[in-house]
Amino acid sequence: RDNAKNTVFLQMNSLKPEDTAIYYCAARRTFASGYCPTA
């Protein structure tokens, strides 16, 4: 992520057919510095 540009990136290498999907970016409001949303 680049907080100065308000942007998150996902670099995807060695792509496989099973990676085919619609990809969604999602946000969770938090002030916890170590929180990482997985669900």
Full PDB file with SEQRES, HELIX, SHEET, SSBOND, CRYST1, ORIGX, SCALE, CONECT and MASTER records, all heavy atoms in Angstrom:
SEQRES   1 A   39  ARG ASP ASN ALA LYS ASN THR VAL PHE LEU GLN MET ASN          
SEQRES   2 A   39  SER LEU LYS PRO GLU ASP THR ALA ILE TYR TYR CYS ALA          
SEQRES   3 A   39  ALA ARG ARG THR PHE ALA SER GLY TYR CYS PRO THR ALA          
HELIX    1 AA1 ASN A    3  LYS A    5  5                                   3    
HELIX    2 AA2 PRO A   17  ASP A   19  5                                   3    
CRYST1    1.000    1.000    1.000  90.00  90.00  90.00 P 1           1          
ORIGX1      1.000000  0.000000  0.000000        0.00000                         
ORIGX2      0.000000  1.000000  0.000000        0.00000                         
ORIGX3      0.000000  0.000000  1.000000        0.00000                         
SCALE1      1.000000  0.000000  0.000000        0.00000                         
SCALE2      0.000000  1.000000  0.000000        0.00000                         
SCALE3      0.000000  0.000000  1.000000        0.00000                         
ATOM      1  N   ARG A   1       0.837  -1.196   0.000  1.00  0.00           N  
ATOM      2  CA  ARG A   1       0.000   0.000   0.000  1.00  0.00           C  
ATOM      3  C   ARG A   1       0.869   1.241   0.000  1.00  0.00           C  
ATOM      4  O   ARG A   1       1.961   1.249   0.565  1.00  0.00           O  
ATOM      5  CB  ARG A   1      -0.980   0.005   1.168  1.00  0.00           C  
ATOM      6  CG  ARG A   1      -0.380   0.106   2.538  1.00  0.00           C  
ATOM      7  CD  ARG A   1      -1.443  -0.133   3.623  1.00  0.00           C  
ATOM      8  NE  ARG A   1      -2.424   0.939   3.682  1.00  0.00           N  
ATOM      9  CZ  ARG A   1      -3.631   0.823   4.268  1.00  0.00           C  
ATOM     10  NH1 ARG A   1      -3.963  -0.313   4.840  1.00  0.00           N  
ATOM     11  NH2 ARG A   1      -4.466   1.840   4.301  1.00  0.00           N  
ATOM     12  N   ASP A   2       0.327   2.280  -0.606  1.00  0.00           N  
ATOM     13  CA  ASP A   2       0.951   3.598  -0.615  1.00  0.00           C  
ATOM     14  C   ASP A   2      -0.065   4.556  -0.014  1.00  0.00           C  
ATOM     15  O   ASP A   2      -0.983   5.024  -0.696  1.00  0.00           O  
ATOM     16  CB  ASP A   2       1.316   3.991  -2.048  1.00  0.00           C  
ATOM     17  CG  ASP A   2       2.076   5.308  -2.121  1.00  0.00           C  
ATOM     18  OD1 ASP A   2       1.991   6.097  -1.152  1.00  0.00           O  
ATOM     19  OD2 ASP A   2       2.721   5.558  -3.140  1.00  0.00           O  
ATOM     20  N   ASN A   3       0.078   4.844   1.265  1.00  0.00           N  
ATOM     21  CA  ASN A   3      -0.909   5.678   1.946  1.00  0.00           C  
ATOM     22  C   ASN A   3      -0.903   7.106   1.430  1.00  0.00           C  
ATOM     23  O   ASN A   3      -1.922   7.799   1.506  1.00  0.00           O  
ATOM     24  CB  ASN A   3      -0.686   5.642   3.453  1.00  0.00           C  
ATOM     25  CG  ASN A   3      -1.200   4.356   4.075  1.00  0.00           C  
ATOM     26  OD1 ASN A   3      -1.770   3.502   3.395  1.00  0.00           O  
ATOM     27  ND2 ASN A   3      -0.987   4.199   5.367  1.00  0.00           N  
ATOM     28  N   ALA A   4       0.205   7.559   0.906  1.00  0.00           N  
ATOM     29  CA  ALA A   4       0.266   8.913   0.348  1.00  0.00           C  
ATOM     30  C   ALA A   4      -0.581   9.036  -0.915  1.00  0.00           C  
ATOM     31  O   ALA A   4      -1.055  10.116  -1.258  1.00  0.00           O  
ATOM     32  CB  ALA A   4       1.714   9.282   0.043  1.00  0.00           C  
ATOM     33  N   LYS A   5      -0.778   7.899  -1.608  1.00  0.00           N  
ATOM     34  CA  LYS A   5      -1.565   7.890  -2.842  1.00  0.00           C  
ATOM     35  C   LYS A   5      -2.916   7.206  -2.661  1.00  0.00           C  
ATOM     36  O   LYS A   5      -3.636   6.993  -3.638  1.00  0.00           O  
ATOM     37  CB  LYS A   5      -0.783   7.201  -3.959  1.00  0.00           C  
ATOM     38  CG  LYS A   5       0.495   7.932  -4.344  1.00  0.00           C  
ATOM     39  CD  LYS A   5       1.211   7.240  -5.494  1.00  0.00           C  
ATOM     40  CE  LYS A   5       2.466   8.006  -5.893  1.00  0.00           C  
ATOM     41  NZ  LYS A   5       3.194   7.332  -7.005  1.00  0.00           N  
ATOM     42  N   ASN A   6      -3.243   6.835  -1.405  1.00  0.00           N  
ATOM     43  CA  ASN A   6      -4.531   6.184  -1.121  1.00  0.00           C  
ATOM     44  C   ASN A   6      -4.760   4.962  -2.015  1.00  0.00           C  
ATOM     45  O   ASN A   6      -5.871   4.750  -2.525  1.00  0.00           O  
ATOM     46  CB  ASN A   6      -5.694   7.172  -1.292  1.00  0.00           C  
ATOM     47  CG  ASN A   6      -5.778   8.181  -0.182  1.00  0.00           C  
ATOM     48  OD1 ASN A   6      -4.889   8.256   0.669  1.00  0.00           O  
ATOM     49  ND2 ASN A   6      -6.819   8.968  -0.179  1.00  0.00           N  
ATOM     50  N   THR A   7      -3.737   4.170  -2.185  1.00  0.00           N  
ATOM     51  CA  THR A   7      -3.818   3.046  -3.113  1.00  0.00           C  
ATOM     52  C   THR A   7      -3.192   1.788  -2.510  1.00  0.00           C  
ATOM     53  O   THR A   7      -2.169   1.873  -1.825  1.00  0.00           O  
ATOM     54  CB  THR A   7      -3.114   3.377  -4.440  1.00  0.00           C  
ATOM     55  OG1 THR A   7      -3.680   4.570  -4.989  1.00  0.00           O  
ATOM     56  CG2 THR A   7      -3.294   2.248  -5.450  1.00  0.00           C  
ATOM     57  N   VAL A   8      -3.836   0.665  -2.766  1.00  0.00           N  
ATOM     58  CA  VAL A   8      -3.305  -0.646  -2.414  1.00  0.00           C  
ATOM     59  C   VAL A   8      -3.086  -1.423  -3.700  1.00  0.00           C  
ATOM     60  O   VAL A   8      -3.875  -1.309  -4.644  1.00  0.00           O  
ATOM     61  CB  VAL A   8      -4.265  -1.401  -1.481  1.00  0.00           C  
ATOM     62  CG1 VAL A   8      -3.821  -2.842  -1.275  1.00  0.00           C  
ATOM     63  CG2 VAL A   8      -4.365  -0.697  -0.142  1.00  0.00           C  
ATOM     64  N   PHE A   9      -2.023  -2.212  -3.710  1.00  0.00           N  
ATOM     65  CA  PHE A   9      -1.673  -2.993  -4.892  1.00  0.00           C  
ATOM     66  C   PHE A   9      -1.662  -4.480  -4.559  1.00  0.00           C  
ATOM     67  O   PHE A   9      -1.365  -4.873  -3.429  1.00  0.00           O  
ATOM     68  CB  PHE A   9      -0.296  -2.584  -5.412  1.00  0.00           C  
ATOM     69  CG  PHE A   9      -0.160  -1.122  -5.699  1.00  0.00           C  
ATOM     70  CD1 PHE A   9       0.416  -0.267  -4.762  1.00  0.00           C  
ATOM     71  CD2 PHE A   9      -0.618  -0.587  -6.894  1.00  0.00           C  
ATOM     72  CE1 PHE A   9       0.536   1.089  -5.015  1.00  0.00           C  
ATOM     73  CE2 PHE A   9      -0.505   0.763  -7.158  1.00  0.00           C  
ATOM     74  CZ  PHE A   9       0.072   1.606  -6.212  1.00  0.00           C  
ATOM     75  N   LEU A  10      -1.947  -5.280  -5.565  1.00  0.00           N  
ATOM     76  CA  LEU A  10      -1.784  -6.734  -5.447  1.00  0.00           C  
ATOM     77  C   LEU A  10      -1.013  -7.199  -6.681  1.00  0.00           C  
ATOM     78  O   LEU A  10      -1.563  -7.225  -7.777  1.00  0.00           O  
ATOM     79  CB  LEU A  10      -3.123  -7.446  -5.348  1.00  0.00           C  
ATOM     80  CG  LEU A  10      -3.023  -8.953  -5.087  1.00  0.00           C  
ATOM     81  CD1 LEU A  10      -2.492  -9.216  -3.673  1.00  0.00           C  
ATOM     82  CD2 LEU A  10      -4.381  -9.638  -5.266  1.00  0.00           C  
ATOM     83  N   GLN A  11       0.254  -7.512  -6.475  1.00  0.00           N  
ATOM     84  CA  GLN A  11       1.081  -8.040  -7.553  1.00  0.00           C  
ATOM     85  C   GLN A  11       0.882  -9.546  -7.619  1.00  0.00           C  
ATOM     86  O   GLN A  11       1.116 -10.245  -6.627  1.00  0.00           O  
ATOM     87  CB  GLN A  11       2.550  -7.711  -7.306  1.00  0.00           C  
ATOM     88  CG  GLN A  11       3.500  -8.267  -8.348  1.00  0.00           C  
ATOM     89  CD  GLN A  11       3.309  -7.617  -9.706  1.00  0.00           C  
ATOM     90  OE1 GLN A  11       3.152  -6.397  -9.800  1.00  0.00           O  
ATOM     91  NE2 GLN A  11       3.337  -8.416 -10.769  1.00  0.00           N  
ATOM     92  N   MET A  12       0.451 -10.022  -8.772  1.00  0.00           N  
ATOM     93  CA  MET A  12       0.146 -11.442  -8.930  1.00  0.00           C  
ATOM     94  C   MET A  12       1.067 -12.042  -9.981  1.00  0.00           C  
ATOM     95  O   MET A  12       1.025 -11.639 -11.155  1.00  0.00           O  
ATOM     96  CB  MET A  12      -1.323 -11.618  -9.348  1.00  0.00           C  
ATOM     97  CG  MET A  12      -2.299 -10.936  -8.416  1.00  0.00           C  
ATOM     98  SD  MET A  12      -4.025 -11.318  -8.786  1.00  0.00           S  
ATOM     99  CE  MET A  12      -4.183 -10.608 -10.409  1.00  0.00           C  
ATOM    100  N   ASN A  13       1.896 -12.959  -9.556  1.00  0.00           N  
ATOM    101  CA  ASN A  13       2.840 -13.624 -10.445  1.00  0.00           C  
ATOM    102  C   ASN A  13       2.523 -15.109 -10.553  1.00  0.00           C  
ATOM    103  O   ASN A  13       1.773 -15.656  -9.737  1.00  0.00           O  
ATOM    104  CB  ASN A  13       4.266 -13.438  -9.926  1.00  0.00           C  
ATOM    105  CG  ASN A  13       4.703 -11.987  -9.869  1.00  0.00           C  
ATOM    106  OD1 ASN A  13       4.273 -11.163 -10.689  1.00  0.00           O  
ATOM    107  ND2 ASN A  13       5.566 -11.675  -8.915  1.00  0.00           N  
ATOM    108  N   SER A  14       3.102 -15.752 -11.551  1.00  0.00           N  
ATOM    109  CA  SER A  14       2.919 -17.201 -11.755  1.00  0.00           C  
ATOM    110  C   SER A  14       1.445 -17.580 -11.707  1.00  0.00           C  
ATOM    111  O   SER A  14       1.050 -18.535 -11.025  1.00  0.00           O  
ATOM    112  CB  SER A  14       3.702 -17.986 -10.685  1.00  0.00           C  
ATOM    113  OG  SER A  14       5.079 -17.663 -10.730  1.00  0.00           O  
ATOM    114  N   LEU A  15       0.644 -16.848 -12.430  1.00  0.00           N  
ATOM    115  CA  LEU A  15      -0.800 -17.056 -12.379  1.00  0.00           C  
ATOM    116  C   LEU A  15      -1.195 -18.410 -12.955  1.00  0.00           C  
ATOM    117  O   LEU A  15      -0.576 -18.918 -13.903  1.00  0.00           O  
ATOM    118  CB  LEU A  15      -1.521 -15.931 -13.116  1.00  0.00           C  
ATOM    119  CG  LEU A  15      -1.591 -14.617 -12.333  1.00  0.00           C  
ATOM    120  CD1 LEU A  15      -1.883 -13.447 -13.234  1.00  0.00           C  
ATOM    121  CD2 LEU A  15      -2.636 -14.719 -11.232  1.00  0.00           C  
ATOM    122  N   LYS A  16      -2.233 -18.982 -12.356  1.00  0.00           N  
ATOM    123  CA  LYS A  16      -2.737 -20.293 -12.736  1.00  0.00           C  
ATOM    124  C   LYS A  16      -4.197 -20.170 -13.173  1.00  0.00           C  
ATOM    125  O   LYS A  16      -4.882 -19.237 -12.756  1.00  0.00           O  
ATOM    126  CB  LYS A  16      -2.657 -21.243 -11.542  1.00  0.00           C  
ATOM    127  CG  LYS A  16      -1.286 -21.360 -10.909  1.00  0.00           C  
ATOM    128  CD  LYS A  16      -1.346 -22.212  -9.647  1.00  0.00           C  
ATOM    129  CE  LYS A  16       0.007 -22.323  -8.975  1.00  0.00           C  
ATOM    130  NZ  LYS A  16      -0.058 -23.143  -7.741  1.00  0.00           N  
ATOM    131  N   PRO A  17      -4.687 -21.105 -13.966  1.00  0.00           N  
ATOM    132  CA  PRO A  17      -6.102 -21.054 -14.356  1.00  0.00           C  
ATOM    133  C   PRO A  17      -7.045 -20.993 -13.157  1.00  0.00           C  
ATOM    134  O   PRO A  17      -8.095 -20.338 -13.230  1.00  0.00           O  
ATOM    135  CB  PRO A  17      -6.286 -22.345 -15.160  1.00  0.00           C  
ATOM    136  CG  PRO A  17      -4.940 -22.613 -15.739  1.00  0.00           C  
ATOM    137  CD  PRO A  17      -3.967 -22.172 -14.680  1.00  0.00           C  
ATOM    138  N   GLU A  18      -6.670 -21.628 -12.057  1.00  0.00           N  
ATOM    139  CA  GLU A  18      -7.537 -21.608 -10.868  1.00  0.00           C  
ATOM    140  C   GLU A  18      -7.554 -20.256 -10.163  1.00  0.00           C  
ATOM    141  O   GLU A  18      -8.314 -20.056  -9.215  1.00  0.00           O  
ATOM    142  CB  GLU A  18      -7.133 -22.711  -9.876  1.00  0.00           C  
ATOM    143  CG  GLU A  18      -5.668 -22.734  -9.524  1.00  0.00           C  
ATOM    144  CD  GLU A  18      -4.894 -23.748 -10.354  1.00  0.00           C  
ATOM    145  OE1 GLU A  18      -5.120 -23.809 -11.594  1.00  0.00           O  
ATOM    146  OE2 GLU A  18      -4.049 -24.461  -9.777  1.00  0.00           O  
ATOM    147  N   ASP A  19      -6.731 -19.315 -10.619  1.00  0.00           N  
ATOM    148  CA  ASP A  19      -6.794 -17.950 -10.087  1.00  0.00           C  
ATOM    149  C   ASP A  19      -7.888 -17.127 -10.766  1.00  0.00           C  
ATOM    150  O   ASP A  19      -8.154 -16.002 -10.374  1.00  0.00           O  
ATOM    151  CB  ASP A  19      -5.449 -17.242 -10.275  1.00  0.00           C  
ATOM    152  CG  ASP A  19      -4.345 -17.843  -9.438  1.00  0.00           C  
ATOM    153  OD1 ASP A  19      -4.596 -18.182  -8.266  1.00  0.00           O  
ATOM    154  OD2 ASP A  19      -3.217 -17.979  -9.959  1.00  0.00           O  
ATOM    155  N   THR A  20      -8.512 -17.690 -11.785  1.00  0.00           N  
ATOM    156  CA  THR A  20      -9.579 -16.984 -12.490  1.00  0.00           C  
ATOM    157  C   THR A  20     -10.738 -16.693 -11.547  1.00  0.00           C  
ATOM    158  O   THR A  20     -11.275 -17.599 -10.914  1.00  0.00           O  
ATOM    159  CB  THR A  20     -10.067 -17.820 -13.683  1.00  0.00           C  
ATOM    160  OG1 THR A  20      -9.004 -17.951 -14.630  1.00  0.00           O  
ATOM    161  CG2 THR A  20     -11.260 -17.163 -14.356  1.00  0.00           C  
ATOM    162  N   ALA A  21     -11.110 -15.416 -11.469  1.00  0.00           N  
ATOM    163  CA  ALA A  21     -12.167 -14.992 -10.541  1.00  0.00           C  
ATOM    164  C   ALA A  21     -12.382 -13.489 -10.699  1.00  0.00           C  
ATOM    165  O   ALA A  21     -11.616 -12.810 -11.377  1.00  0.00           O  
ATOM    166  CB  ALA A  21     -11.780 -15.314  -9.099  1.00  0.00           C  
ATOM    167  N   ILE A  22     -13.417 -13.001 -10.034  1.00  0.00           N  
ATOM    168  CA  ILE A  22     -13.564 -11.558  -9.845  1.00  0.00           C  
ATOM    169  C   ILE A  22     -12.837 -11.208  -8.551  1.00  0.00           C  
ATOM    170  O   ILE A  22     -13.065 -11.842  -7.515  1.00  0.00           O  
ATOM    171  CB  ILE A  22     -15.040 -11.145  -9.764  1.00  0.00           C  
ATOM    172  CG1 ILE A  22     -15.759 -11.508 -11.061  1.00  0.00           C  
ATOM    173  CG2 ILE A  22     -15.151  -9.638  -9.509  1.00  0.00           C  
ATOM    174  CD1 ILE A  22     -17.257 -11.249 -11.022  1.00  0.00           C  
ATOM    175  N   TYR A  23     -11.980 -10.223  -8.636  1.00  0.00           N  
ATOM    176  CA  TYR A  23     -11.181  -9.804  -7.491  1.00  0.00           C  
ATOM    177  C   TYR A  23     -11.753  -8.509  -6.912  1.00  0.00           C  
ATOM    178  O   TYR A  23     -11.998  -7.541  -7.640  1.00  0.00           O  
ATOM    179  CB  TYR A  23      -9.728  -9.613  -7.901  1.00  0.00           C  
ATOM    180  CG  TYR A  23      -8.995 -10.927  -8.067  1.00  0.00           C  
ATOM    181  CD1 TYR A  23      -9.309 -11.790  -9.111  1.00  0.00           C  
ATOM    182  CD2 TYR A  23      -8.017 -11.316  -7.168  1.00  0.00           C  
ATOM    183  CE1 TYR A  23      -8.668 -13.007  -9.254  1.00  0.00           C  
ATOM    184  CE2 TYR A  23      -7.357 -12.535  -7.295  1.00  0.00           C  
ATOM    185  CZ  TYR A  23      -7.690 -13.364  -8.344  1.00  0.00           C  
ATOM    186  OH  TYR A  23      -7.050 -14.578  -8.485  1.00  0.00           O  
ATOM    187  N   TYR A  24     -11.939  -8.519  -5.600  1.00  0.00           N  
ATOM    188  CA  TYR A  24     -12.530  -7.388  -4.893  1.00  0.00           C  
ATOM    189  C   TYR A  24     -11.550  -6.811  -3.884  1.00  0.00           C  
ATOM    190  O   TYR A  24     -10.914  -7.548  -3.134  1.00  0.00           O  
ATOM    191  CB  TYR A  24     -13.780  -7.811  -4.145  1.00  0.00           C  
ATOM    192  CG  TYR A  24     -14.903  -8.328  -5.017  1.00  0.00           C  
ATOM    193  CD1 TYR A  24     -15.009  -9.680  -5.310  1.00  0.00           C  
ATOM    194  CD2 TYR A  24     -15.863  -7.459  -5.531  1.00  0.00           C  
ATOM    195  CE1 TYR A  24     -16.034 -10.163  -6.109  1.00  0.00           C  
ATOM    196  CE2 TYR A  24     -16.899  -7.924  -6.321  1.00  0.00           C  
ATOM    197  CZ  TYR A  24     -16.975  -9.278  -6.607  1.00  0.00           C  
ATOM    198  OH  TYR A  24     -17.998  -9.746  -7.387  1.00  0.00           O  
ATOM    199  N   CYS A  25     -11.506  -5.507  -3.861  1.00  0.00           N  
ATOM    200  CA  CYS A  25     -10.805  -4.785  -2.809  1.00  0.00           C  
ATOM    201  C   CYS A  25     -11.826  -4.452  -1.730  1.00  0.00           C  
ATOM    202  O   CYS A  25     -12.982  -4.124  -2.039  1.00  0.00           O  
ATOM    203  CB  CYS A  25     -10.212  -3.516  -3.422  1.00  0.00           C  
ATOM    204  SG  CYS A  25      -9.496  -2.363  -2.253  1.00  0.00           S  
ATOM    205  N   ALA A  26     -11.415  -4.530  -0.468  1.00  0.00           N  
ATOM    206  CA  ALA A  26     -12.348  -4.302   0.628  1.00  0.00           C  
ATOM    207  C   ALA A  26     -11.649  -3.610   1.781  1.00  0.00           C  
ATOM    208  O   ALA A  26     -10.446  -3.811   1.994  1.00  0.00           O  
ATOM    209  CB  ALA A  26     -12.923  -5.639   1.090  1.00  0.00           C  
ATOM    210  N   ALA A  27     -12.405  -2.829   2.525  1.00  0.00           N  
ATOM    211  CA  ALA A  27     -11.822  -2.050   3.619  1.00  0.00           C  
ATOM    212  C   ALA A  27     -12.552  -2.291   4.930  1.00  0.00           C  
ATOM    213  O   ALA A  27     -13.772  -2.461   4.961  1.00  0.00           O  
ATOM    214  CB  ALA A  27     -11.860  -0.567   3.281  1.00  0.00           C  
ATOM    215  N   ARG A  28     -11.779  -2.278   5.997  1.00  0.00           N  
ATOM    216  CA  ARG A  28     -12.327  -2.377   7.346  1.00  0.00           C  
ATOM    217  C   ARG A  28     -11.769  -1.215   8.161  1.00  0.00           C  
ATOM    218  O   ARG A  28     -10.548  -1.047   8.260  1.00  0.00           O  
ATOM    219  CB  ARG A  28     -11.935  -3.707   7.983  1.00  0.00           C  
ATOM    220  CG  ARG A  28     -12.129  -3.791   9.489  1.00  0.00           C  
ATOM    221  CD  ARG A  28     -13.588  -3.753   9.898  1.00  0.00           C  
ATOM    222  NE  ARG A  28     -13.730  -3.743  11.346  1.00  0.00           N  
ATOM    223  CZ  ARG A  28     -14.131  -4.776  12.068  1.00  0.00           C  
ATOM    224  NH1 ARG A  28     -14.427  -5.919  11.476  1.00  0.00           N  
ATOM    225  NH2 ARG A  28     -14.222  -4.682  13.359  1.00  0.00           N  
ATOM    226  N   ARG A  29     -12.657  -0.418   8.711  1.00  0.00           N  
ATOM    227  CA  ARG A  29     -12.217   0.696   9.550  1.00  0.00           C  
ATOM    228  C   ARG A  29     -11.586   0.145  10.825  1.00  0.00           C  
ATOM    229  O   ARG A  29     -12.188  -0.679  11.508  1.00  0.00           O  
ATOM    230  CB  ARG A  29     -13.383   1.596   9.905  1.00  0.00           C  
ATOM    231  CG  ARG A  29     -13.898   2.429   8.748  1.00  0.00           C  
ATOM    232  CD  ARG A  29     -14.868   3.486   9.252  1.00  0.00           C  
ATOM    233  NE  ARG A  29     -15.414   4.303   8.183  1.00  0.00           N  
ATOM    234  CZ  ARG A  29     -14.821   5.378   7.692  1.00  0.00           C  
ATOM    235  NH1 ARG A  29     -13.650   5.750   8.161  1.00  0.00           N  
ATOM    236  NH2 ARG A  29     -15.401   6.078   6.729  1.00  0.00           N  
ATOM    237  N   THR A  30     -10.382   0.611  11.123  1.00  0.00           N  
ATOM    238  CA  THR A  30      -9.723   0.168  12.351  1.00  0.00           C  
ATOM    239  C   THR A  30      -8.581   1.100  12.685  1.00  0.00           C  
ATOM    240  O   THR A  30      -7.928   1.645  11.791  1.00  0.00           O  
ATOM    241  CB  THR A  30      -9.191  -1.264  12.211  1.00  0.00           C  
ATOM    242  OG1 THR A  30      -8.559  -1.652  13.439  1.00  0.00           O  
ATOM    243  CG2 THR A  30      -8.151  -1.372  11.093  1.00  0.00           C  
ATOM    244  N   PHE A  31      -8.339   1.287  13.973  1.00  0.00           N  
ATOM    245  CA  PHE A  31      -7.162   2.011  14.432  1.00  0.00           C  
ATOM    246  C   PHE A  31      -6.144   1.058  15.051  1.00  0.00           C  
ATOM    247  O   PHE A  31      -5.114   1.494  15.567  1.00  0.00           O  
ATOM    248  CB  PHE A  31      -7.565   3.111  15.415  1.00  0.00           C  
ATOM    249  CG  PHE A  31      -8.317   4.234  14.759  1.00  0.00           C  
ATOM    250  CD1 PHE A  31      -9.691   4.327  14.895  1.00  0.00           C  
ATOM    251  CD2 PHE A  31      -7.659   5.170  13.986  1.00  0.00           C  
ATOM    252  CE1 PHE A  31     -10.392   5.354  14.282  1.00  0.00           C  
ATOM    253  CE2 PHE A  31      -8.349   6.196  13.370  1.00  0.00           C  
ATOM    254  CZ  PHE A  31      -9.723   6.294  13.521  1.00  0.00           C  
ATOM    255  N   ALA A  32      -6.459  -0.231  14.974  1.00  0.00           N  
ATOM    256  CA  ALA A  32      -5.518  -1.243  15.469  1.00  0.00           C  
ATOM    257  C   ALA A  32      -4.437  -1.445  14.413  1.00  0.00           C  
ATOM    258  O   ALA A  32      -4.729  -1.881  13.295  1.00  0.00           O  
ATOM    259  CB  ALA A  32      -6.255  -2.551  15.742  1.00  0.00           C  
ATOM    260  N   SER A  33      -3.195  -1.164  14.775  1.00  0.00           N  
ATOM    261  CA  SER A  33      -2.125  -1.147  13.786  1.00  0.00           C  
ATOM    262  C   SER A  33      -1.828  -2.508  13.192  1.00  0.00           C  
ATOM    263  O   SER A  33      -1.309  -2.603  12.087  1.00  0.00           O  
ATOM    264  CB  SER A  33      -0.856  -0.555  14.403  1.00  0.00           C  
ATOM    265  OG  SER A  33      -0.451  -1.353  15.499  1.00  0.00           O  
ATOM    266  N   GLY A  34      -2.146  -3.594  13.927  1.00  0.00           N  
ATOM    267  CA  GLY A  34      -1.805  -4.912  13.420  1.00  0.00           C  
ATOM    268  C   GLY A  34      -2.969  -5.674  12.829  1.00  0.00           C  
ATOM    269  O   GLY A  34      -2.834  -6.838  12.458  1.00  0.00           O  
ATOM    270  N   TYR A  35      -4.115  -5.022  12.691  1.00  0.00           N  
ATOM    271  CA  TYR A  35      -5.305  -5.732  12.227  1.00  0.00           C  
ATOM    272  C   TYR A  35      -5.274  -5.920  10.723  1.00  0.00           C  
ATOM    273  O   TYR A  35      -4.972  -5.003   9.963  1.00  0.00           O  
ATOM    274  CB  TYR A  35      -6.577  -4.978  12.626  1.00  0.00           C  
ATOM    275  CG  TYR A  35      -7.826  -5.692  12.185  1.00  0.00           C  
ATOM    276  CD1 TYR A  35      -8.311  -6.787  12.896  1.00  0.00           C  
ATOM    277  CD2 TYR A  35      -8.506  -5.301  11.037  1.00  0.00           C  
ATOM    278  CE1 TYR A  35      -9.443  -7.459  12.480  1.00  0.00           C  
ATOM    279  CE2 TYR A  35      -9.638  -5.969  10.616  1.00  0.00           C  
ATOM    280  CZ  TYR A  35     -10.097  -7.040  11.339  1.00  0.00           C  
ATOM    281  OH  TYR A  35     -11.210  -7.728  10.917  1.00  0.00           O  
ATOM    282  N   CYS A  36      -5.655  -7.128  10.295  1.00  0.00           N  
ATOM    283  CA  CYS A  36      -5.608  -7.497   8.879  1.00  0.00           C  
ATOM    284  C   CYS A  36      -6.874  -8.300   8.576  1.00  0.00           C  
ATOM    285  O   CYS A  36      -7.025  -9.405   9.083  1.00  0.00           O  
ATOM    286  CB  CYS A  36      -4.347  -8.340   8.636  1.00  0.00           C  
ATOM    287  SG  CYS A  36      -3.888  -8.594   6.922  1.00  0.00           S  
ATOM    288  N   PRO A  37      -7.809  -7.768   7.799  1.00  0.00           N  
ATOM    289  CA  PRO A  37      -9.086  -8.449   7.595  1.00  0.00           C  
ATOM    290  C   PRO A  37      -8.986  -9.630   6.637  1.00  0.00           C  
ATOM    291  O   PRO A  37      -8.575  -9.491   5.491  1.00  0.00           O  
ATOM    292  CB  PRO A  37      -9.969  -7.347   7.002  1.00  0.00           C  
ATOM    293  CG  PRO A  37      -9.013  -6.443   6.297  1.00  0.00           C  
ATOM    294  CD  PRO A  37      -7.747  -6.487   7.103  1.00  0.00           C  
ATOM    295  N   THR A  38      -9.371 -10.810   7.111  1.00  0.00           N  
ATOM    296  CA  THR A  38      -9.308 -11.999   6.275  1.00  0.00           C  
ATOM    297  C   THR A  38     -10.678 -12.590   5.974  1.00  0.00           C  
ATOM    298  O   THR A  38     -10.805 -13.439   5.097  1.00  0.00           O  
ATOM    299  CB  THR A  38      -8.453 -13.080   6.954  1.00  0.00           C  
ATOM    300  OG1 THR A  38      -9.022 -13.380   8.239  1.00  0.00           O  
ATOM    301  CG2 THR A  38      -7.023 -12.600   7.151  1.00  0.00           C  
ATOM    302  N   ALA A  39     -11.700 -12.160   6.683  1.00  0.00           N  
ATOM    303  CA  ALA A  39     -13.036 -12.720   6.502  1.00  0.00           C  
ATOM    304  C   ALA A  39     -13.984 -11.675   5.943  1.00  0.00           C  
ATOM    305  O   ALA A  39     -13.974 -10.519   6.367  1.00  0.00           O  
ATOM    306  CB  ALA A  39     -13.571 -13.246   7.833  1.00  0.00           C  
TER     307      ALA A  39                                                      
MASTER        0    0    0    2    0    0    0    6  306    1    0    3          
END                                                                             
